[in-house]
Amino acid sequence: MRLLLAAVLTLPLAACASITRGTTDQITITTTPPGAAVKTSMSHSCQSPCTLTVGRKDEFIVTASMPGYKDAATPVKTRLAGSGAAGFAGNVLVGGVIGMGVDAATGATLEHYPSPVALVLEPHSVAPAAAPAKPTRRKATTPKPLAFKPEAAPEG
């Protein structure tokens, strides 16, 4: 009976990270300038700034676009989270081998990075206006001295 009671009491502790962190994560996406159309490789879309809910195991690419700007994109990866590792370790201490398996399978021990996602959109480069034609330089000339012709003296 004690063994059954111990099992019933420890069962809720199995999958600690799944319970404390959940199997989804919220990713905030901002762009400079704000108001860009945001899409992910997982078919999510929104207008920045926005927050998307994704599975903890999901890795994807975020792309932002806006008229007059070049598209910007960045991959969002997963890694073992500090608090996820603590929950996973809690499974080991309590003896929750099942919980360890659940946490690993659901990705509850993972976190996304970068988080938040911040994308900077570069303006399209404006083609330089045609340079004004260089003024043609005229060769400097010195005026020719006027020839002086003395007037003929009156005859007389």
C-alpha atoms as a PDB file:
ATOM      1  CA  MET A   1       0.000   0.000   0.000  1.00  0.00           C
ATOM      2  CA  ARG A   2       2.853   2.414   0.846  1.00  0.00           C
ATOM      3  CA  LEU A   3       4.457   1.738  -2.517  1.00  0.00           C
ATOM      4  CA  LEU A   4       1.204   2.523  -4.299  1.00  0.00           C
ATOM      5  CA  LEU A   5       0.803   5.722  -2.268  1.00  0.00           C
ATOM      6  CA  ALA A   6       4.389   6.784  -3.057  1.00  0.00           C
ATOM      7  CA  ALA A   7       3.820   6.144  -6.748  1.00  0.00           C
ATOM      8  CA  VAL A   8       0.597   8.172  -6.750  1.00  0.00           C
ATOM      9  CA  LEU A   9       2.284  11.071  -4.939  1.00  0.00           C
ATOM     10  CA  THR A  10       5.336  11.170  -7.233  1.00  0.00           C
ATOM     11  CA  LEU A  11       3.436  10.705 -10.498  1.00  0.00           C
ATOM     12  CA  PRO A  12       2.489  14.395 -10.709  1.00  0.00           C
ATOM     13  CA  LEU A  13       6.194  15.247 -10.493  1.00  0.00           C
ATOM     14  CA  ALA A  14       6.951  13.310 -13.664  1.00  0.00           C
ATOM     15  CA  ALA A  15       7.666  15.618 -16.603  1.00  0.00           C
ATOM     16  CA  CYS A  16       8.503  18.582 -14.370  1.00  0.00           C
ATOM     17  CA  ALA A  17       9.640  20.808 -17.231  1.00  0.00           C
ATOM     18  CA  SER A  18       6.495  20.024 -19.218  1.00  0.00           C
ATOM     19  CA  ILE A  19       4.416  21.159 -16.284  1.00  0.00           C
ATOM     20  CA  THR A  20       6.409  24.257 -15.345  1.00  0.00           C
ATOM     21  CA  ARG A  21       7.394  25.456 -18.840  1.00  0.00           C
ATOM     22  CA  GLY A  22       4.772  23.976 -21.138  1.00  0.00           C
ATOM     23  CA  THR A  23       5.320  22.667 -24.637  1.00  0.00           C
ATOM     24  CA  THR A  24       4.908  26.006 -26.426  1.00  0.00           C
ATOM     25  CA  ASP A  25       6.884  29.225 -26.351  1.00  0.00           C
ATOM     26  CA  GLN A  26       6.013  32.819 -27.226  1.00  0.00           C
ATOM     27  CA  ILE A  27       8.413  34.629 -29.541  1.00  0.00           C
ATOM     28  CA  THR A  28       8.257  38.422 -29.775  1.00  0.00           C
ATOM     29  CA  ILE A  29       9.310  39.892 -33.119  1.00  0.00           C
ATOM     30  CA  THR A  30      10.214  43.534 -33.644  1.00  0.00           C
ATOM     31  CA  THR A  31      11.448  45.341 -36.726  1.00  0.00           C
ATOM     32  CA  THR A  32      13.115  48.640 -37.422  1.00  0.00           C
ATOM     33  CA  PRO A  33      11.138  50.354 -38.813  1.00  0.00           C
ATOM     34  CA  PRO A  34       8.012  48.914 -37.173  1.00  0.00           C
ATOM     35  CA  GLY A  35       5.014  47.824 -39.224  1.00  0.00           C
ATOM     36  CA  ALA A  36       6.791  45.297 -41.443  1.00  0.00           C
ATOM     37  CA  ALA A  37       5.019  42.176 -42.667  1.00  0.00           C
ATOM     38  CA  VAL A  38       6.473  39.190 -40.786  1.00  0.00           C
ATOM     39  CA  LYS A  39       6.323  35.588 -41.993  1.00  0.00           C
ATOM     40  CA  THR A  40       7.901  32.400 -40.709  1.00  0.00           C
ATOM     41  CA  SER A  41       8.926  29.265 -42.540  1.00  0.00           C
ATOM     42  CA  MET A  42       6.159  27.562 -40.513  1.00  0.00           C
ATOM     43  CA  SER A  43       3.449  29.719 -42.183  1.00  0.00           C
ATOM     44  CA  HIS A  44       2.876  32.101 -39.258  1.00  0.00           C
ATOM     45  CA  SER A  45       2.353  35.737 -40.209  1.00  0.00           C
ATOM     46  CA  CYS A  46       1.803  39.027 -38.418  1.00  0.00           C
ATOM     47  CA  GLN A  47       2.699  42.713 -38.552  1.00  0.00           C
ATOM     48  CA  SER A  48       5.549  43.853 -36.335  1.00  0.00           C
ATOM     49  CA  PRO A  49       5.783  44.258 -33.448  1.00  0.00           C
ATOM     50  CA  CYS A  50       4.028  40.972 -32.725  1.00  0.00           C
ATOM     51  CA  THR A  51       4.199  37.796 -30.642  1.00  0.00           C
ATOM     52  CA  LEU A  52       3.811  34.291 -32.045  1.00  0.00           C
ATOM     53  CA  THR A  53       3.176  31.044 -30.167  1.00  0.00           C
ATOM     54  CA  VAL A  54       5.309  28.158 -31.437  1.00  0.00           C
ATOM     55  CA  GLY A  55       6.188  24.693 -30.233  1.00  0.00           C
ATOM     56  CA  ARG A  56       9.303  24.557 -28.067  1.00  0.00           C
ATOM     57  CA  LYS A  57      10.947  22.083 -30.466  1.00  0.00           C
ATOM     58  CA  ASP A  58      10.218  24.185 -33.574  1.00  0.00           C
ATOM     59  CA  GLU A  59      13.124  25.776 -35.420  1.00  0.00           C
ATOM     60  CA  PHE A  60      12.227  28.195 -38.202  1.00  0.00           C
ATOM     61  CA  ILE A  61      13.209  31.287 -40.207  1.00  0.00           C
ATOM     62  CA  VAL A  62      11.614  34.688 -39.625  1.00  0.00           C
ATOM     63  CA  THR A  63      11.430  37.028 -42.637  1.00  0.00           C
ATOM     64  CA  ALA A  64      10.292  40.663 -42.543  1.00  0.00           C
ATOM     65  CA  SER A  65       9.429  42.801 -45.557  1.00  0.00           C
ATOM     66  CA  MET A  66       8.238  46.334 -46.135  1.00  0.00           C
ATOM     67  CA  PRO A  67       7.882  48.431 -49.286  1.00  0.00           C
ATOM     68  CA  GLY A  68      10.981  50.557 -49.872  1.00  0.00           C
ATOM     69  CA  TYR A  69      13.190  48.240 -47.791  1.00  0.00           C
ATOM     70  CA  LYS A  70      15.228  45.125 -48.407  1.00  0.00           C
ATOM     71  CA  ASP A  71      13.845  41.947 -46.809  1.00  0.00           C
ATOM     72  CA  ALA A  72      15.532  40.840 -43.577  1.00  0.00           C
ATOM     73  CA  ALA A  73      15.596  37.284 -42.251  1.00  0.00           C
ATOM     74  CA  THR A  74      17.060  35.332 -39.349  1.00  0.00           C
ATOM     75  CA  PRO A  75      16.907  31.707 -38.246  1.00  0.00           C
ATOM     76  CA  VAL A  76      15.385  30.922 -34.843  1.00  0.00           C
ATOM     77  CA  LYS A  77      17.003  27.858 -33.261  1.00  0.00           C
ATOM     78  CA  THR A  78      16.491  25.919 -30.035  1.00  0.00           C
ATOM     79  CA  ARG A  79      18.849  25.148 -27.174  1.00  0.00           C
ATOM     80  CA  LEU A  80      18.638  23.599 -23.736  1.00  0.00           C
ATOM     81  CA  ALA A  81      17.208  26.185 -21.363  1.00  0.00           C
ATOM     82  CA  GLY A  82      18.611  26.717 -17.887  1.00  0.00           C
ATOM     83  CA  SER A  83      15.194  26.267 -16.276  1.00  0.00           C
ATOM     84  CA  GLY A  84      14.418  23.401 -18.637  1.00  0.00           C
ATOM     85  CA  ALA A  85      17.556  21.626 -17.509  1.00  0.00           C
ATOM     86  CA  ALA A  86      16.529  22.138 -13.881  1.00  0.00           C
ATOM     87  CA  GLY A  87      13.151  20.529 -14.558  1.00  0.00           C
ATOM     88  CA  PHE A  88      14.859  17.708 -16.400  1.00  0.00           C
ATOM     89  CA  ALA A  89      17.227  17.231 -13.452  1.00  0.00           C
ATOM     90  CA  GLY A  90      14.220  17.233 -11.123  1.00  0.00           C
ATOM     91  CA  ASN A  91      12.944  14.251 -13.074  1.00  0.00           C
ATOM     92  CA  VAL A  92      16.229  12.444 -12.397  1.00  0.00           C
ATOM     93  CA  LEU A  93      16.136  13.204  -8.662  1.00  0.00           C
ATOM     94  CA  VAL A  94      12.558  12.097  -8.244  1.00  0.00           C
ATOM     95  CA  GLY A  95      13.190   9.075 -10.399  1.00  0.00           C
ATOM     96  CA  GLY A  96      10.835  10.184 -13.141  1.00  0.00           C
ATOM     97  CA  VAL A  97      12.326   8.346 -16.081  1.00  0.00           C
ATOM     98  CA  ILE A  98       8.948   8.675 -17.738  1.00  0.00           C
ATOM     99  CA  GLY A  99       9.015  12.420 -17.091  1.00  0.00           C
ATOM    100  CA  MET A 100      12.471  12.689 -18.636  1.00  0.00           C
ATOM    101  CA  GLY A 101      11.164  10.992 -21.752  1.00  0.00           C
ATOM    102  CA  VAL A 102       8.096  13.238 -21.894  1.00  0.00           C
ATOM    103  CA  ASP A 103      10.181  16.403 -21.468  1.00  0.00           C
ATOM    104  CA  ALA A 104      12.642  15.326 -24.142  1.00  0.00           C
ATOM    105  CA  ALA A 105       9.848  14.366 -26.549  1.00  0.00           C
ATOM    106  CA  THR A 106       7.829  17.557 -26.081  1.00  0.00           C
ATOM    107  CA  GLY A 107      10.814  19.899 -26.109  1.00  0.00           C
ATOM    108  CA  ALA A 108       9.844  21.306 -22.702  1.00  0.00           C
ATOM    109  CA  THR A 109      13.523  21.594 -21.788  1.00  0.00           C
ATOM    110  CA  LEU A 110      14.249  23.833 -24.800  1.00  0.00           C
ATOM    111  CA  GLU A 111      14.163  27.574 -25.410  1.00  0.00           C
ATOM    112  CA  HIS A 112      14.338  29.587 -28.615  1.00  0.00           C
ATOM    113  CA  TYR A 113      17.127  31.951 -29.559  1.00  0.00           C
ATOM    114  CA  PRO A 114      17.310  34.694 -30.473  1.00  0.00           C
ATOM    115  CA  SER A 115      14.354  35.667 -28.349  1.00  0.00           C
ATOM    116  CA  PRO A 116      13.091  38.282 -28.815  1.00  0.00           C
ATOM    117  CA  VAL A 117      13.777  38.447 -32.560  1.00  0.00           C
ATOM    118  CA  ALA A 118      14.797  41.940 -33.732  1.00  0.00           C
ATOM    119  CA  LEU A 119      15.187  42.573 -37.459  1.00  0.00           C
ATOM    120  CA  VAL A 120      16.553  45.757 -39.045  1.00  0.00           C
ATOM    121  CA  LEU A 121      15.343  46.470 -42.563  1.00  0.00           C
ATOM    122  CA  GLU A 122      17.751  48.397 -44.778  1.00  0.00           C
ATOM    123  CA  PRO A 123      16.257  50.944 -47.188  1.00  0.00           C
ATOM    124  CA  HIS A 124      16.668  50.174 -50.872  1.00  0.00           C
ATOM    125  CA  SER A 125      19.614  52.172 -52.095  1.00  0.00           C
ATOM    126  CA  VAL A 126      18.491  55.072 -54.176  1.00  0.00           C
ATOM    127  CA  ALA A 127      20.308  55.236 -57.480  1.00  0.00           C
ATOM    128  CA  PRO A 128      22.453  58.320 -57.448  1.00  0.00           C
ATOM    129  CA  ALA A 129      21.053  61.065 -59.615  1.00  0.00           C
ATOM    130  CA  ALA A 130      22.937  61.626 -62.826  1.00  0.00           C
ATOM    131  CA  ALA A 131      25.844  63.829 -62.014  1.00  0.00           C
ATOM    132  CA  PRO A 132      25.478  67.242 -63.534  1.00  0.00           C
ATOM    133  CA  ALA A 133      27.636  67.722 -66.561  1.00  0.00           C
ATOM    134  CA  LYS A 134      30.899  69.327 -65.692  1.00  0.00           C
ATOM    135  CA  PRO A 135      31.023  72.863 -66.938  1.00  0.00           C
ATOM    136  CA  THR A 136      33.336  73.165 -69.860  1.00  0.00           C
ATOM    137  CA  ARG A 137      36.260  75.309 -69.092  1.00  0.00           C
ATOM    138  CA  ARG A 138      37.045  77.912 -71.553  1.00  0.00           C
ATOM    139  CA  LYS A 139      40.598  78.676 -72.087  1.00  0.00           C
ATOM    140  CA  ALA A 140      41.401  81.908 -70.436  1.00  0.00           C
ATOM    141  CA  THR A 141      42.569  84.409 -72.927  1.00  0.00           C
ATOM    142  CA  THR A 142      44.027  87.767 -72.282  1.00  0.00           C
ATOM    143  CA  PRO A 143      42.550  90.491 -74.318  1.00  0.00           C
ATOM    144  CA  LYS A 144      44.813  91.741 -77.045  1.00  0.00           C
ATOM    145  CA  PRO A 145      45.975  95.264 -76.491  1.00  0.00           C
ATOM    146  CA  LEU A 146      44.328  97.715 -78.746  1.00  0.00           C
ATOM    147  CA  ALA A 147      46.642  99.076 -81.346  1.00  0.00           C
ATOM    148  CA  PHE A 148      47.088 102.733 -80.879  1.00  0.00           C
ATOM    149  CA  LYS A 149      47.187 104.727 -84.011  1.00  0.00           C
ATOM    150  CA  PRO A 150      48.117 108.299 -83.478  1.00  0.00           C
ATOM    151  CA  GLU A 151      45.957 110.605 -85.425  1.00  0.00           C
ATOM    152  CA  ALA A 152      47.652 112.247 -88.235  1.00  0.00           C
ATOM    153  CA  ALA A 153      48.560 115.791 -87.477  1.00  0.00           C
ATOM    154  CA  PRO A 154      46.673 118.269 -89.524  1.00  0.00           C
ATOM    155  CA  GLU A 155      48.628 119.589 -92.371  1.00  0.00           C
ATOM    156  CA  GLY A 156      49.174 122.875 -92.289  1.00  0.00           C
END
